[in-house]
PDB file of N, CA and C in Angstrom:
ATOM      1  N   MET A   1       0.822  -1.188   0.000  1.00  0.00           N
ATOM      2  CA  MET A   1       0.000   0.000   0.000  1.00  0.00           C
ATOM      3  C   MET A   1       0.867   1.254   0.000  1.00  0.00           C
ATOM      4  N   LYS A   2       1.978   1.219   0.701  1.00  0.00           N
ATOM      5  CA  LYS A   2       2.878   2.382   0.740  1.00  0.00           C
ATOM      6  C   LYS A   2       3.414   2.696  -0.656  1.00  0.00           C
ATOM      7  N   VAL A   3       3.784   1.670  -1.398  1.00  0.00           N
ATOM      8  CA  VAL A   3       4.299   1.870  -2.752  1.00  0.00           C
ATOM      9  C   VAL A   3       3.216   2.499  -3.633  1.00  0.00           C
ATOM     10  N   ILE A   4       2.025   1.983  -3.529  1.00  0.00           N
ATOM     11  CA  ILE A   4       0.916   2.516  -4.327  1.00  0.00           C
ATOM     12  C   ILE A   4       0.656   3.973  -3.961  1.00  0.00           C
ATOM     13  N   SER A   5       0.676   4.270  -2.672  1.00  0.00           N
ATOM     14  CA  SER A   5       0.475   5.632  -2.207  1.00  0.00           C
ATOM     15  C   SER A   5       1.496   6.582  -2.815  1.00  0.00           C
ATOM     16  N   GLU A   6       2.748   6.167  -2.805  1.00  0.00           N
ATOM     17  CA  GLU A   6       3.795   7.016  -3.372  1.00  0.00           C
ATOM     18  C   GLU A   6       3.665   7.138  -4.886  1.00  0.00           C
ATOM     19  N   MET A   7       3.298   6.045  -5.558  1.00  0.00           N
ATOM     20  CA  MET A   7       3.144   6.088  -7.012  1.00  0.00           C
ATOM     21  C   MET A   7       2.019   7.035  -7.426  1.00  0.00           C
ATOM     22  N   LEU A   8       0.965   7.083  -6.628  1.00  0.00           N
ATOM     23  CA  LEU A   8      -0.167   7.953  -6.930  1.00  0.00           C
ATOM     24  C   LEU A   8       0.060   9.389  -6.480  1.00  0.00           C
ATOM     25  N   GLY A   9       1.136   9.614  -5.723  1.00  0.00           N
ATOM     26  CA  GLY A   9       1.452  10.963  -5.280  1.00  0.00           C
ATOM     27  C   GLY A   9       0.642  11.444  -4.092  1.00  0.00           C
ATOM     28  N   HIS A  10       0.099  10.514  -3.344  1.00  0.00           N
ATOM     29  CA  HIS A  10      -0.675  10.909  -2.171  1.00  0.00           C
ATOM     30  C   HIS A  10       0.260  11.320  -1.035  1.00  0.00           C
ATOM     31  N   ALA A  11      -0.098  12.376  -0.336  1.00  0.00           N
ATOM     32  CA  ALA A  11       0.730  12.875   0.762  1.00  0.00           C
ATOM     33  C   ALA A  11       0.626  11.975   1.988  1.00  0.00           C
ATOM     34  N   ARG A  12      -0.513  11.325   2.143  1.00  0.00           N
ATOM     35  CA  ARG A  12      -0.726  10.483   3.326  1.00  0.00           C
ATOM     36  C   ARG A  12      -1.099   9.062   2.922  1.00  0.00           C
ATOM     37  N   PHE A  13      -0.456   8.104   3.567  1.00  0.00           N
ATOM     38  CA  PHE A  13      -0.762   6.691   3.365  1.00  0.00           C
ATOM     39  C   PHE A  13      -2.225   6.414   3.697  1.00  0.00           C
ATOM     40  N   SER A  14      -2.715   7.057   4.750  1.00  0.00           N
ATOM     41  CA  SER A  14      -4.087   6.809   5.201  1.00  0.00           C
ATOM     42  C   SER A  14      -5.111   7.189   4.135  1.00  0.00           C
ATOM     43  N   PHE A  15      -4.821   8.222   3.347  1.00  0.00           N
ATOM     44  CA  PHE A  15      -5.737   8.609   2.274  1.00  0.00           C
ATOM     45  C   PHE A  15      -5.869   7.470   1.258  1.00  0.00           C
ATOM     46  N   THR A  16      -4.741   6.905   0.869  1.00  0.00           N
ATOM     47  CA  THR A  16      -4.747   5.800  -0.097  1.00  0.00           C
ATOM     48  C   THR A  16      -5.507   4.607   0.468  1.00  0.00           C
ATOM     49  N   ALA A  17      -5.215   4.270   1.711  1.00  0.00           N
ATOM     50  CA  ALA A  17      -5.866   3.122   2.340  1.00  0.00           C
ATOM     51  C   ALA A  17      -7.374   3.328   2.450  1.00  0.00           C
ATOM     52  N   ASP A  18      -7.791   4.516   2.860  1.00  0.00           N
ATOM     53  CA  ASP A  18      -9.222   4.800   3.001  1.00  0.00           C
ATOM     54  C   ASP A  18      -9.933   4.832   1.655  1.00  0.00           C
ATOM     55  N   THR A  19      -9.251   5.296   0.626  1.00  0.00           N
ATOM     56  CA  THR A  19      -9.868   5.460  -0.689  1.00  0.00           C
ATOM     57  C   THR A  19      -9.944   4.164  -1.486  1.00  0.00           C
ATOM     58  N   TYR A  20      -8.890   3.360  -1.408  1.00  0.00           N
ATOM     59  CA  TYR A  20      -8.788   2.212  -2.313  1.00  0.00           C
ATOM     60  C   TYR A  20      -8.936   0.850  -1.660  1.00  0.00           C
ATOM     61  N   THR A  21      -9.343   0.813  -0.412  1.00  0.00           N
ATOM     62  CA  THR A  21      -9.562  -0.483   0.223  1.00  0.00           C
ATOM     63  C   THR A  21     -10.991  -0.582   0.717  1.00  0.00           C
ATOM     64  N   SER A  22     -11.465  -1.784   0.790  1.00  0.00           N
ATOM     65  CA  SER A  22     -12.792  -2.048   1.344  1.00  0.00           C
ATOM     66  C   SER A  22     -12.771  -3.444   1.948  1.00  0.00           C
ATOM     67  N   VAL A  23     -13.766  -3.712   2.749  1.00  0.00           N
ATOM     68  CA  VAL A  23     -13.857  -5.012   3.389  1.00  0.00           C
ATOM     69  C   VAL A  23     -15.076  -5.732   2.825  1.00  0.00           C
ATOM     70  N   LEU A  24     -14.846  -6.888   2.252  1.00  0.00           N
ATOM     71  CA  LEU A  24     -15.946  -7.692   1.748  1.00  0.00           C
ATOM     72  C   LEU A  24     -16.721  -8.278   2.922  1.00  0.00           C
ATOM     73  N   PRO A  25     -18.031  -8.449   2.797  1.00  0.00           N
ATOM     74  CA  PRO A  25     -18.818  -8.996   3.905  1.00  0.00           C
ATOM     75  C   PRO A  25     -18.279 -10.335   4.421  1.00  0.00           C
ATOM     76  N   GLU A  26     -17.805 -11.180   3.514  1.00  0.00           N
ATOM     77  CA  GLU A  26     -17.290 -12.480   3.927  1.00  0.00           C
ATOM     78  C   GLU A  26     -16.036 -12.337   4.791  1.00  0.00           C
ATOM     79  N   VAL A  27     -15.198 -11.386   4.434  1.00  0.00           N
ATOM     80  CA  VAL A  27     -13.969 -11.142   5.191  1.00  0.00           C
ATOM     81  C   VAL A  27     -14.309 -10.564   6.554  1.00  0.00           C
ATOM     82  N   SER A  28     -15.275  -9.665   6.596  1.00  0.00           N
ATOM     83  CA  SER A  28     -15.702  -9.069   7.856  1.00  0.00           C
ATOM     84  C   SER A  28     -16.257 -10.128   8.804  1.00  0.00           C
ATOM     85  N   THR A  29     -17.075 -11.017   8.283  1.00  0.00           N
ATOM     86  CA  THR A  29     -17.642 -12.095   9.091  1.00  0.00           C
ATOM     87  C   THR A  29     -16.556 -13.021   9.604  1.00  0.00           C
ATOM     88  N   ALA A  30     -15.629 -13.390   8.750  1.00  0.00           N
ATOM     89  CA  ALA A  30     -14.533 -14.278   9.152  1.00  0.00           C
ATOM     90  C   ALA A  30     -13.683 -13.627  10.242  1.00  0.00           C
ATOM     91  N   ALA A  31     -13.427 -12.338  10.129  1.00  0.00           N
ATOM     92  CA  ALA A  31     -12.641 -11.634  11.139  1.00  0.00           C
ATOM     93  C   ALA A  31     -13.372 -11.608  12.474  1.00  0.00           C
ATOM     94  N   ALA A  32     -14.653 -11.342  12.444  1.00  0.00           N
ATOM     95  CA  ALA A  32     -15.444 -11.319  13.680  1.00  0.00           C
ATOM     96  C   ALA A  32     -15.475 -12.691  14.338  1.00  0.00           C
ATOM     97  N   GLU A  33     -15.615 -13.731  13.542  1.00  0.00           N
ATOM     98  CA  GLU A  33     -15.623 -15.088  14.088  1.00  0.00           C
ATOM     99  C   GLU A  33     -14.265 -15.455  14.675  1.00  0.00           C
ATOM    100  N   ALA A  34     -13.178 -15.025  14.035  1.00  0.00           N
ATOM    101  CA  ALA A  34     -11.838 -15.319  14.541  1.00  0.00           C
ATOM    102  C   ALA A  34     -11.607 -14.629  15.880  1.00  0.00           C
ATOM    103  N   VAL A  35     -12.053 -13.391  16.002  1.00  0.00           N
ATOM    104  CA  VAL A  35     -11.903 -12.673  17.271  1.00  0.00           C
ATOM    105  C   VAL A  35     -12.765 -13.328  18.349  1.00  0.00           C
ATOM    106  N   ALA A  36     -13.986 -13.669  18.014  1.00  0.00           N
ATOM    107  CA  ALA A  36     -14.871 -14.307  18.988  1.00  0.00           C
ATOM    108  C   ALA A  36     -14.308 -15.636  19.479  1.00  0.00           C
ATOM    109  N   ALA A  37     -13.569 -16.320  18.636  1.00  0.00           N
ATOM    110  CA  ALA A  37     -12.995 -17.619  19.013  1.00  0.00           C
ATOM    111  C   ALA A  37     -11.901 -17.494  20.062  1.00  0.00           C
ATOM    112  N   VAL A  38     -11.246 -16.347  20.127  1.00  0.00           N
ATOM    113  CA  VAL A  38     -10.149 -16.198  21.096  1.00  0.00           C
ATOM    114  C   VAL A  38     -10.542 -15.410  22.335  1.00  0.00           C
ATOM    115  N   VAL A  39     -11.745 -14.834  22.353  1.00  0.00           N
ATOM    116  CA  VAL A  39     -12.212 -14.093  23.526  1.00  0.00           C
ATOM    117  C   VAL A  39     -12.790 -15.094  24.530  1.00  0.00           C
ATOM    118  N   PRO A  40     -12.253 -15.067  25.747  1.00  0.00           N
ATOM    119  CA  PRO A  40     -12.774 -16.005  26.761  1.00  0.00           C
ATOM    120  C   PRO A  40     -14.239 -15.727  27.084  1.00  0.00           C
ATOM    121  N   ARG A  41     -14.984 -16.787  27.211  1.00  0.00           N
ATOM    122  CA  ARG A  41     -16.415 -16.668  27.570  1.00  0.00           C
ATOM    123  C   ARG A  41     -16.615 -17.386  28.887  1.00  0.00           C
ATOM    124  N   GLU A  42     -16.997 -16.625  29.870  1.00  0.00           N
ATOM    125  CA  GLU A  42     -17.228 -17.244  31.186  1.00  0.00           C
ATOM    126  C   GLU A  42     -18.533 -16.813  31.770  1.00  0.00           C
TER     127      GLU A  42
END
């Protein structure tokens, strides 16, 4: 992402990341399930 940011001439890495990335619903669900699996439930 840093290379892409510099190639596009963006002053901030965060601008590139916010503009050109997104989270697919399947990825979001998988991430939530992975976190839930490691959180202790008592």
